[in-house]
Amino acid sequence: MTEKTENDKHYWQLVDTFIGIANDKAQTIDRSIIGPSLLYSASRFNAYMLSAVSPTVEAFNENKEAAIKYYLAQHEEMMRENFDDFAANFDKYRNANS
């Protein structure tokens, strides 16, 4: 298995894990806080990832705006893709997630 394929496999396993946790939590807590908590967690982890590859705080600060721009673009693309998918499969997904 190539590295890209292995990374893709791990990527989708993580996506499924996080969605599974969110769906489980939606059974017992207010759904309106689940998405924001996932976003905050992702933001926190992404800030950590930038710090992990930055040898100094100056390097971190130099790359911060580019990282923010990158993650915002990624988030917008993912949101549009998923909203379009839900619109195309509205009844199917809504019934599955009720």
PDB file of N, CA and C in Angstrom:
ATOM      1  N   MET A   1       0.855  -1.182   0.000  1.00  0.00           N
ATOM      2  CA  MET A   1       0.000   0.000   0.000  1.00  0.00           C
ATOM      3  C   MET A   1       0.896   1.239   0.000  1.00  0.00           C
ATOM      4  N   THR A   2       0.608   2.181  -0.863  1.00  0.00           N
ATOM      5  CA  THR A   2       1.422   3.391  -0.919  1.00  0.00           C
ATOM      6  C   THR A   2       1.154   4.262   0.299  1.00  0.00           C
ATOM      7  N   GLU A   3       2.086   5.185   0.568  1.00  0.00           N
ATOM      8  CA  GLU A   3       1.923   6.070   1.722  1.00  0.00           C
ATOM      9  C   GLU A   3       0.667   6.914   1.592  1.00  0.00           C
ATOM     10  N   LYS A   4       0.408   7.442   0.384  1.00  0.00           N
ATOM     11  CA  LYS A   4      -0.791   8.256   0.172  1.00  0.00           C
ATOM     12  C   LYS A   4      -2.042   7.434   0.457  1.00  0.00           C
ATOM     13  N   THR A   5      -2.074   6.230  -0.057  1.00  0.00           N
ATOM     14  CA  THR A   5      -3.235   5.375   0.172  1.00  0.00           C
ATOM     15  C   THR A   5      -3.378   5.043   1.656  1.00  0.00           C
ATOM     16  N   GLU A   6      -2.272   4.775   2.323  1.00  0.00           N
ATOM     17  CA  GLU A   6      -2.305   4.494   3.758  1.00  0.00           C
ATOM     18  C   GLU A   6      -2.777   5.731   4.528  1.00  0.00           C
ATOM     19  N   ASN A   7      -2.282   6.902   4.152  1.00  0.00           N
ATOM     20  CA  ASN A   7      -2.737   8.134   4.797  1.00  0.00           C
ATOM     21  C   ASN A   7      -4.211   8.385   4.530  1.00  0.00           C
ATOM     22  N   ASP A   8      -4.667   8.118   3.308  1.00  0.00           N
ATOM     23  CA  ASP A   8      -6.090   8.266   2.991  1.00  0.00           C
ATOM     24  C   ASP A   8      -6.932   7.346   3.867  1.00  0.00           C
ATOM     25  N   LYS A   9      -6.478   6.124   4.023  1.00  0.00           N
ATOM     26  CA  LYS A   9      -7.196   5.150   4.865  1.00  0.00           C
ATOM     27  C   LYS A   9      -7.284   5.671   6.300  1.00  0.00           C
ATOM     28  N   HIS A  10      -6.176   6.139   6.833  1.00  0.00           N
ATOM     29  CA  HIS A  10      -6.173   6.667   8.200  1.00  0.00           C
ATOM     30  C   HIS A  10      -7.034   7.921   8.316  1.00  0.00           C
ATOM     31  N   TYR A  11      -6.984   8.765   7.288  1.00  0.00           N
ATOM     32  CA  TYR A  11      -7.799   9.982   7.267  1.00  0.00           C
ATOM     33  C   TYR A  11      -9.276   9.630   7.434  1.00  0.00           C
ATOM     34  N   TRP A  12      -9.770   8.720   6.597  1.00  0.00           N
ATOM     35  CA  TRP A  12     -11.193   8.379   6.640  1.00  0.00           C
ATOM     36  C   TRP A  12     -11.558   7.612   7.900  1.00  0.00           C
ATOM     37  N   GLN A  13     -10.632   6.839   8.451  1.00  0.00           N
ATOM     38  CA  GLN A  13     -10.888   6.187   9.736  1.00  0.00           C
ATOM     39  C   GLN A  13     -11.061   7.235  10.837  1.00  0.00           C
ATOM     40  N   LEU A  14     -10.210   8.261  10.816  1.00  0.00           N
ATOM     41  CA  LEU A  14     -10.342   9.339  11.801  1.00  0.00           C
ATOM     42  C   LEU A  14     -11.642  10.107  11.619  1.00  0.00           C
ATOM     43  N   VAL A  15     -11.986  10.416  10.381  1.00  0.00           N
ATOM     44  CA  VAL A  15     -13.251  11.111  10.105  1.00  0.00           C
ATOM     45  C   VAL A  15     -14.412  10.301  10.675  1.00  0.00           C
ATOM     46  N   ASP A  16     -14.446   9.010  10.374  1.00  0.00           N
ATOM     47  CA  ASP A  16     -15.521   8.151  10.876  1.00  0.00           C
ATOM     48  C   ASP A  16     -15.530   8.100  12.403  1.00  0.00           C
ATOM     49  N   THR A  17     -14.355   8.053  13.016  1.00  0.00           N
ATOM     50  CA  THR A  17     -14.267   8.030  14.477  1.00  0.00           C
ATOM     51  C   THR A  17     -14.835   9.308  15.077  1.00  0.00           C
ATOM     52  N   PHE A  18     -14.422  10.460  14.547  1.00  0.00           N
ATOM     53  CA  PHE A  18     -14.902  11.734  15.087  1.00  0.00           C
ATOM     54  C   PHE A  18     -16.404  11.907  14.871  1.00  0.00           C
ATOM     55  N   ILE A  19     -16.903  11.509  13.708  1.00  0.00           N
ATOM     56  CA  ILE A  19     -18.343  11.591  13.454  1.00  0.00           C
ATOM     57  C   ILE A  19     -19.094  10.643  14.382  1.00  0.00           C
ATOM     58  N   GLY A  20     -18.552   9.460  14.594  1.00  0.00           N
ATOM     59  CA  GLY A  20     -19.175   8.506  15.513  1.00  0.00           C
ATOM     60  C   GLY A  20     -19.273   9.061  16.924  1.00  0.00           C
ATOM     61  N   ILE A  21     -18.200   9.672  17.388  1.00  0.00           N
ATOM     62  CA  ILE A  21     -18.214  10.283  18.720  1.00  0.00           C
ATOM     63  C   ILE A  21     -19.246  11.406  18.769  1.00  0.00           C
ATOM     64  N   ALA A  22     -19.267  12.249  17.742  1.00  0.00           N
ATOM     65  CA  ALA A  22     -20.239  13.352  17.701  1.00  0.00           C
ATOM     66  C   ALA A  22     -21.667  12.816  17.711  1.00  0.00           C
ATOM     67  N   ASN A  23     -21.928  11.786  16.913  1.00  0.00           N
ATOM     68  CA  ASN A  23     -23.272  11.205  16.878  1.00  0.00           C
ATOM     69  C   ASN A  23     -23.649  10.586  18.218  1.00  0.00           C
ATOM     70  N   ASP A  24     -22.706   9.917  18.866  1.00  0.00           N
ATOM     71  CA  ASP A  24     -22.974   9.350  20.193  1.00  0.00           C
ATOM     72  C   ASP A  24     -23.289  10.450  21.200  1.00  0.00           C
ATOM     73  N   LYS A  25     -22.494  11.504  21.194  1.00  0.00           N
ATOM     74  CA  LYS A  25     -22.709  12.611  22.130  1.00  0.00           C
ATOM     75  C   LYS A  25     -24.034  13.319  21.857  1.00  0.00           C
ATOM     76  N   ALA A  26     -24.472  13.339  20.595  1.00  0.00           N
ATOM     77  CA  ALA A  26     -25.733  13.996  20.235  1.00  0.00           C
ATOM     78  C   ALA A  26     -26.933  13.320  20.888  1.00  0.00           C
ATOM     79  N   GLN A  27     -26.754  12.099  21.357  1.00  0.00           N
ATOM     80  CA  GLN A  27     -27.842  11.393  22.034  1.00  0.00           C
ATOM     81  C   GLN A  27     -28.063  11.899  23.461  1.00  0.00           C
ATOM     82  N   THR A  28     -27.022  12.526  24.041  1.00  0.00           N
ATOM     83  CA  THR A  28     -27.116  12.881  25.458  1.00  0.00           C
ATOM     84  C   THR A  28     -26.840  14.344  25.774  1.00  0.00           C
ATOM     85  N   ILE A  29     -26.309  15.099  24.817  1.00  0.00           N
ATOM     86  CA  ILE A  29     -26.040  16.517  25.094  1.00  0.00           C
ATOM     87  C   ILE A  29     -26.617  17.376  23.975  1.00  0.00           C
ATOM     88  N   ASP A  30     -26.690  18.659  24.227  1.00  0.00           N
ATOM     89  CA  ASP A  30     -27.229  19.616  23.264  1.00  0.00           C
ATOM     90  C   ASP A  30     -26.408  19.573  21.977  1.00  0.00           C
ATOM     91  N   ARG A  31     -27.058  19.232  20.872  1.00  0.00           N
ATOM     92  CA  ARG A  31     -26.371  19.114  19.578  1.00  0.00           C
ATOM     93  C   ARG A  31     -25.714  20.414  19.137  1.00  0.00           C
ATOM     94  N   SER A  32     -26.237  21.539  19.592  1.00  0.00           N
ATOM     95  CA  SER A  32     -25.718  22.828  19.121  1.00  0.00           C
ATOM     96  C   SER A  32     -24.291  23.115  19.599  1.00  0.00           C
ATOM     97  N   ILE A  33     -23.791  22.366  20.573  1.00  0.00           N
ATOM     98  CA  ILE A  33     -22.420  22.600  21.030  1.00  0.00           C
ATOM     99  C   ILE A  33     -21.423  21.605  20.440  1.00  0.00           C
ATOM    100  N   ILE A  34     -21.907  20.600  19.739  1.00  0.00           N
ATOM    101  CA  ILE A  34     -21.009  19.564  19.223  1.00  0.00           C
ATOM    102  C   ILE A  34     -20.140  20.092  18.080  1.00  0.00           C
ATOM    103  N   GLY A  35     -20.746  20.701  17.079  1.00  0.00           N
ATOM    104  CA  GLY A  35     -19.973  21.239  15.958  1.00  0.00           C
ATOM    105  C   GLY A  35     -18.945  22.263  16.400  1.00  0.00           C
ATOM    106  N   PRO A  36     -19.353  23.257  17.205  1.00  0.00           N
ATOM    107  CA  PRO A  36     -18.362  24.225  17.678  1.00  0.00           C
ATOM    108  C   PRO A  36     -17.230  23.587  18.491  1.00  0.00           C
ATOM    109  N   SER A  37     -17.539  22.551  19.263  1.00  0.00           N
ATOM    110  CA  SER A  37     -16.464  21.907  20.027  1.00  0.00           C
ATOM    111  C   SER A  37     -15.500  21.162  19.104  1.00  0.00           C
ATOM    112  N   LEU A  38     -16.022  20.576  18.022  1.00  0.00           N
ATOM    113  CA  LEU A  38     -15.142  19.941  17.034  1.00  0.00           C
ATOM    114  C   LEU A  38     -14.272  20.985  16.337  1.00  0.00           C
ATOM    115  N   LEU A  39     -14.865  22.120  15.985  1.00  0.00           N
ATOM    116  CA  LEU A  39     -14.095  23.198  15.353  1.00  0.00           C
ATOM    117  C   LEU A  39     -13.001  23.722  16.278  1.00  0.00           C
ATOM    118  N   TYR A  40     -13.349  23.920  17.542  1.00  0.00           N
ATOM    119  CA  TYR A  40     -12.354  24.407  18.494  1.00  0.00           C
ATOM    120  C   TYR A  40     -11.226  23.397  18.641  1.00  0.00           C
ATOM    121  N   SER A  41     -11.579  22.128  18.747  1.00  0.00           N
ATOM    122  CA  SER A  41     -10.568  21.070  18.868  1.00  0.00           C
ATOM    123  C   SER A  41      -9.644  21.058  17.661  1.00  0.00           C
ATOM    124  N   ALA A  42     -10.213  21.161  16.464  1.00  0.00           N
ATOM    125  CA  ALA A  42      -9.400  21.182  15.241  1.00  0.00           C
ATOM    126  C   ALA A  42      -8.499  22.410  15.222  1.00  0.00           C
ATOM    127  N   SER A  43      -9.036  23.556  15.614  1.00  0.00           N
ATOM    128  CA  SER A  43      -8.235  24.782  15.641  1.00  0.00           C
ATOM    129  C   SER A  43      -7.087  24.663  16.631  1.00  0.00           C
ATOM    130  N   ARG A  44      -7.384  24.114  17.779  1.00  0.00           N
ATOM    131  CA  ARG A  44      -6.349  23.946  18.806  1.00  0.00           C
ATOM    132  C   ARG A  44      -5.259  22.997  18.311  1.00  0.00           C
ATOM    133  N   PHE A  45      -5.658  21.891  17.708  1.00  0.00           N
ATOM    134  CA  PHE A  45      -4.681  20.925  17.207  1.00  0.00           C
ATOM    135  C   PHE A  45      -3.861  21.527  16.073  1.00  0.00           C
ATOM    136  N   ASN A  46      -4.492  22.285  15.184  1.00  0.00           N
ATOM    137  CA  ASN A  46      -3.762  22.900  14.075  1.00  0.00           C
ATOM    138  C   ASN A  46      -2.758  23.940  14.573  1.00  0.00           C
ATOM    139  N   ALA A  47      -3.095  24.673  15.620  1.00  0.00           N
ATOM    140  CA  ALA A  47      -2.134  25.606  16.218  1.00  0.00           C
ATOM    141  C   ALA A  47      -0.953  24.822  16.792  1.00  0.00           C
ATOM    142  N   TYR A  48      -1.259  23.713  17.443  1.00  0.00           N
ATOM    143  CA  TYR A  48      -0.188  22.851  17.955  1.00  0.00           C
ATOM    144  C   TYR A  48       0.693  22.341  16.813  1.00  0.00           C
ATOM    145  N   MET A  49       0.079  21.913  15.712  1.00  0.00           N
ATOM    146  CA  MET A  49       0.852  21.392  14.579  1.00  0.00           C
ATOM    147  C   MET A  49       1.796  22.451  14.024  1.00  0.00           C
ATOM    148  N   LEU A  50       1.346  23.690  13.921  1.00  0.00           N
ATOM    149  CA  LEU A  50       2.234  24.754  13.451  1.00  0.00           C
ATOM    150  C   LEU A  50       3.380  24.949  14.434  1.00  0.00           C
ATOM    151  N   SER A  51       3.081  24.911  15.723  1.00  0.00           N
ATOM    152  CA  SER A  51       4.152  25.078  16.713  1.00  0.00           C
ATOM    153  C   SER A  51       5.152  23.923  16.639  1.00  0.00           C
ATOM    154  N   ALA A  52       4.675  22.728  16.322  1.00  0.00           N
ATOM    155  CA  ALA A  52       5.556  21.553  16.260  1.00  0.00           C
ATOM    156  C   ALA A  52       6.577  21.642  15.129  1.00  0.00           C
ATOM    157  N   VAL A  53       6.236  22.349  14.059  1.00  0.00           N
ATOM    158  CA  VAL A  53       7.169  22.477  12.927  1.00  0.00           C
ATOM    159  C   VAL A  53       7.896  23.820  12.923  1.00  0.00           C
ATOM    160  N   SER A  54       7.643  24.635  13.940  1.00  0.00           N
ATOM    161  CA  SER A  54       8.280  25.950  14.041  1.00  0.00           C
ATOM    162  C   SER A  54       9.410  25.880  15.068  1.00  0.00           C
ATOM    163  N   PRO A  55      10.639  26.145  14.650  1.00  0.00           N
ATOM    164  CA  PRO A  55      11.752  26.058  15.599  1.00  0.00           C
ATOM    165  C   PRO A  55      11.755  27.169  16.652  1.00  0.00           C
ATOM    166  N   THR A  56      11.093  28.294  16.344  1.00  0.00           N
ATOM    167  CA  THR A  56      11.046  29.430  17.278  1.00  0.00           C
ATOM    168  C   THR A  56       9.661  30.061  17.239  1.00  0.00           C
ATOM    169  N   VAL A  57       9.365  30.856  18.253  1.00  0.00           N
ATOM    170  CA  VAL A  57       8.092  31.571  18.262  1.00  0.00           C
ATOM    171  C   VAL A  57       8.044  32.575  17.118  1.00  0.00           C
ATOM    172  N   GLU A  58       9.208  33.106  16.741  1.00  0.00           N
ATOM    173  CA  GLU A  58       9.249  34.034  15.613  1.00  0.00           C
ATOM    174  C   GLU A  58       8.828  33.326  14.321  1.00  0.00           C
ATOM    175  N   ALA A  59       9.327  32.109  14.124  1.00  0.00           N
ATOM    176  CA  ALA A  59       8.937  31.326  12.941  1.00  0.00           C
ATOM    177  C   ALA A  59       7.448  31.002  12.989  1.00  0.00           C
ATOM    178  N   PHE A  60       6.966  30.656  14.187  1.00  0.00           N
ATOM    179  CA  PHE A  60       5.536  30.387  14.365  1.00  0.00           C
ATOM    180  C   PHE A  60       4.724  31.606  13.936  1.00  0.00           C
ATOM    181  N   ASN A  61       5.098  32.770  14.445  1.00  0.00           N
ATOM    182  CA  ASN A  61       4.368  33.998  14.125  1.00  0.00           C
ATOM    183  C   ASN A  61       4.485  34.376  12.653  1.00  0.00           C
ATOM    184  N   GLU A  62       5.630  34.102  12.037  1.00  0.00           N
ATOM    185  CA  GLU A  62       5.803  34.381  10.609  1.00  0.00           C
ATOM    186  C   GLU A  62       4.866  33.541   9.746  1.00  0.00           C
ATOM    187  N   ASN A  63       4.603  32.322  10.166  1.00  0.00           N
ATOM    188  CA  ASN A  63       3.796  31.390   9.368  1.00  0.00           C
ATOM    189  C   ASN A  63       2.333  31.324   9.783  1.00  0.00           C
ATOM    190  N   LYS A  64       1.997  32.011  10.863  1.00  0.00           N
ATOM    191  CA  LYS A  64       0.642  31.929  11.419  1.00  0.00           C
ATOM    192  C   LYS A  64      -0.433  32.357  10.424  1.00  0.00           C
ATOM    193  N   GLU A  65      -0.277  33.501   9.789  1.00  0.00           N
ATOM    194  CA  GLU A  65      -1.320  33.994   8.877  1.00  0.00           C
ATOM    195  C   GLU A  65      -1.495  33.075   7.670  1.00  0.00           C
ATOM    196  N   ALA A  66      -0.399  32.546   7.143  1.00  0.00           N
ATOM    197  CA  ALA A  66      -0.499  31.614   6.011  1.00  0.00           C
ATOM    198  C   ALA A  66      -1.223  30.343   6.434  1.00  0.00           C
ATOM    199  N   ALA A  67      -0.946  29.867   7.644  1.00  0.00           N
ATOM    200  CA  ALA A  67      -1.623  28.668   8.144  1.00  0.00           C
ATOM    201  C   ALA A  67      -3.113  28.933   8.335  1.00  0.00           C
ATOM    202  N   ILE A  68      -3.441  30.076   8.909  1.00  0.00           N
ATOM    203  CA  ILE A  68      -4.851  30.436   9.096  1.00  0.00           C
ATOM    204  C   ILE A  68      -5.559  30.502   7.749  1.00  0.00           C
ATOM    205  N   LYS A  69      -4.937  31.151   6.789  1.00  0.00           N
ATOM    206  CA  LYS A  69      -5.526  31.253   5.447  1.00  0.00           C
ATOM    207  C   LYS A  69      -5.741  29.863   4.848  1.00  0.00           C
ATOM    208  N   TYR A  70      -4.755  28.990   4.985  1.00  0.00           N
ATOM    209  CA  TYR A  70      -4.860  27.623   4.465  1.00  0.00           C
ATOM    210  C   TYR A  70      -6.027  26.881   5.123  1.00  0.00           C
ATOM    211  N   TYR A  71      -6.083  26.901   6.454  1.00  0.00           N
ATOM    212  CA  TYR A  71      -7.135  26.155   7.149  1.00  0.00           C
ATOM    213  C   TYR A  71      -8.520  26.738   6.898  1.00  0.00           C
ATOM    214  N   LEU A  72      -8.625  28.052   6.777  1.00  0.00           N
ATOM    215  CA  LEU A  72      -9.919  28.650   6.436  1.00  0.00           C
ATOM    216  C   LEU A  72     -10.386  28.199   5.054  1.00  0.00           C
ATOM    217  N   ALA A  73      -9.474  28.175   4.090  1.00  0.00           N
ATOM    218  CA  ALA A  73      -9.828  27.724   2.735  1.00  0.00           C
ATOM    219  C   ALA A  73     -10.227  26.252   2.747  1.00  0.00           C
ATOM    220  N   GLN A  74      -9.491  25.436   3.492  1.00  0.00           N
ATOM    221  CA  GLN A  74      -9.829  24.020   3.596  1.00  0.00           C
ATOM    222  C   GLN A  74     -11.209  23.836   4.226  1.00  0.00           C
ATOM    223  N   HIS A  75     -11.462  24.590   5.290  1.00  0.00           N
ATOM    224  CA  HIS A  75     -12.745  24.471   5.979  1.00  0.00           C
ATOM    225  C   HIS A  75     -13.893  24.886   5.062  1.00  0.00           C
ATOM    226  N   GLU A  76     -13.712  25.993   4.347  1.00  0.00           N
ATOM    227  CA  GLU A  76     -14.775  26.436   3.439  1.00  0.00           C
ATOM    228  C   GLU A  76     -15.039  25.388   2.361  1.00  0.00           C
ATOM    229  N   GLU A  77     -13.987  24.832   1.786  1.00  0.00           N
ATOM    230  CA  GLU A  77     -14.161  23.808   0.749  1.00  0.00           C
ATOM    231  C   GLU A  77     -14.893  22.585   1.301  1.00  0.00           C
ATOM    232  N   MET A  78     -14.515  22.144   2.491  1.00  0.00           N
ATOM    233  CA  MET A  78     -15.164  20.982   3.107  1.00  0.00           C
ATOM    234  C   MET A  78     -16.620  21.278   3.450  1.00  0.00           C
ATOM    235  N   MET A  79     -16.884  22.483   3.941  1.00  0.00           N
ATOM    236  CA  MET A  79     -18.262  22.853   4.264  1.00  0.00           C
ATOM    237  C   MET A  79     -19.129  22.842   3.012  1.00  0.00           C
ATOM    238  N   ARG A  80     -18.644  23.455   1.950  1.00  0.00           N
ATOM    239  CA  ARG A  80     -19.418  23.503   0.707  1.00  0.00           C
ATOM    240  C   ARG A  80     -19.669  22.095   0.171  1.00  0.00           C
ATOM    241  N   GLU A  81     -18.645  21.260   0.194  1.00  0.00           N
ATOM    242  CA  GLU A  81     -18.782  19.881  -0.283  1.00  0.00           C
ATOM    243  C   GLU A  81     -19.832  19.123   0.527  1.00  0.00           C
ATOM    244  N   ASN A  82     -19.790  19.257   1.841  1.00  0.00           N
ATOM    245  CA  ASN A  82     -20.727  18.529   2.690  1.00  0.00           C
ATOM    246  C   ASN A  82     -22.136  19.103   2.636  1.00  0.00           C
ATOM    247  N   PHE A  83     -22.272  20.417   2.554  1.00  0.00           N
ATOM    248  CA  PHE A  83     -23.606  21.004   2.408  1.00  0.00           C
ATOM    249  C   PHE A  83     -24.231  20.590   1.077  1.00  0.00           C
ATOM    250  N   ASP A  84     -23.432  20.575   0.007  1.00  0.00           N
ATOM    251  CA  ASP A  84     -23.934  20.120  -1.296  1.00  0.00           C
ATOM    252  C   ASP A  84     -24.348  18.653  -1.233  1.00  0.00           C
ATOM    253  N   ASP A  85     -23.553  17.837  -0.556  1.00  0.00           N
ATOM    254  CA  ASP A  85     -23.869  16.417  -0.418  1.00  0.00           C
ATOM    255  C   ASP A  85     -25.174  16.231   0.356  1.00  0.00           C
ATOM    256  N   PHE A  86     -25.341  16.984   1.445  1.00  0.00           N
ATOM    257  CA  PHE A  86     -26.580  16.866   2.216  1.00  0.00           C
ATOM    258  C   PHE A  86     -27.780  17.363   1.425  1.00  0.00           C
ATOM    259  N   ALA A  87     -27.610  18.411   0.627  1.00  0.00           N
ATOM    260  CA  ALA A  87     -28.714  18.898  -0.205  1.00  0.00           C
ATOM    261  C   ALA A  87     -29.118  17.840  -1.223  1.00  0.00           C
ATOM    262  N   ALA A  88     -28.147  17.164  -1.803  1.00  0.00           N
ATOM    263  CA  ALA A  88     -28.426  16.138  -2.813  1.00  0.00           C
ATOM    264  C   ALA A  88     -29.029  14.878  -2.204  1.00  0.00           C
ATOM    265  N   ASN A  89     -28.791  14.646  -0.921  1.00  0.00           N
ATOM    266  CA  ASN A  89     -29.254  13.421  -0.250  1.00  0.00           C
ATOM    267  C   ASN A  89     -30.069  13.746   0.995  1.00  0.00           C
ATOM    268  N   PHE A  90     -30.780  14.850   0.954  1.00  0.00           N
ATOM    269  CA  PHE A  90     -31.423  15.403   2.143  1.00  0.00           C
ATOM    270  C   PHE A  90     -32.295  14.389   2.884  1.00  0.00           C
ATOM    271  N   ASP A  91     -33.271  13.806   2.198  1.00  0.00           N
ATOM    272  CA  ASP A  91     -34.189  12.885   2.876  1.00  0.00           C
ATOM    273  C   ASP A  91     -33.463  11.657   3.410  1.00  0.00           C
ATOM    274  N   LYS A  92     -32.572  11.112   2.625  1.00  0.00           N
ATOM    275  CA  LYS A  92     -31.812   9.924   3.036  1.00  0.00           C
ATOM    276  C   LYS A  92     -30.993  10.209   4.298  1.00  0.00           C
ATOM    277  N   TYR A  93     -30.239  11.305   4.298  1.00  0.00           N
ATOM    278  CA  TYR A  93     -29.382  11.624   5.439  1.00  0.00           C
ATOM    279  C   TYR A  93     -30.187  12.077   6.646  1.00  0.00           C
ATOM    280  N   ARG A  94     -31.237  12.842   6.396  1.00  0.00           N
ATOM    281  CA  ARG A  94     -32.038  13.335   7.516  1.00  0.00           C
ATOM    282  C   ARG A  94     -32.696  12.180   8.259  1.00  0.00           C
ATOM    283  N   ASN A  95     -33.209  11.212   7.521  1.00  0.00           N
ATOM    284  CA  ASN A  95     -33.836  10.055   8.154  1.00  0.00           C
ATOM    285  C   ASN A  95     -32.815   9.192   8.884  1.00  0.00           C
ATOM    286  N   ALA A  96     -31.601   9.117   8.359  1.00  0.00           N
ATOM    287  CA  ALA A  96     -30.555   8.311   8.987  1.00  0.00           C
ATOM    288  C   ALA A  96     -30.034   8.957  10.264  1.00  0.00           C
ATOM    289  N   ASN A  97     -30.148  10.285  10.367  1.00  0.00           N
ATOM    290  CA  ASN A  97     -29.594  11.003  11.514  1.00  0.00           C
ATOM    291  C   ASN A  97     -30.653  11.513  12.477  1.00  0.00           C
ATOM    292  N   SER A  98     -31.873  11.048  12.346  1.00  0.00           N
ATOM    293  CA  SER A  98     -32.947  11.522  13.231  1.00  0.00           C
ATOM    294  C   SER A  98     -32.858  10.886  14.593  1.00  0.00           C
TER     295      SER A  98
END
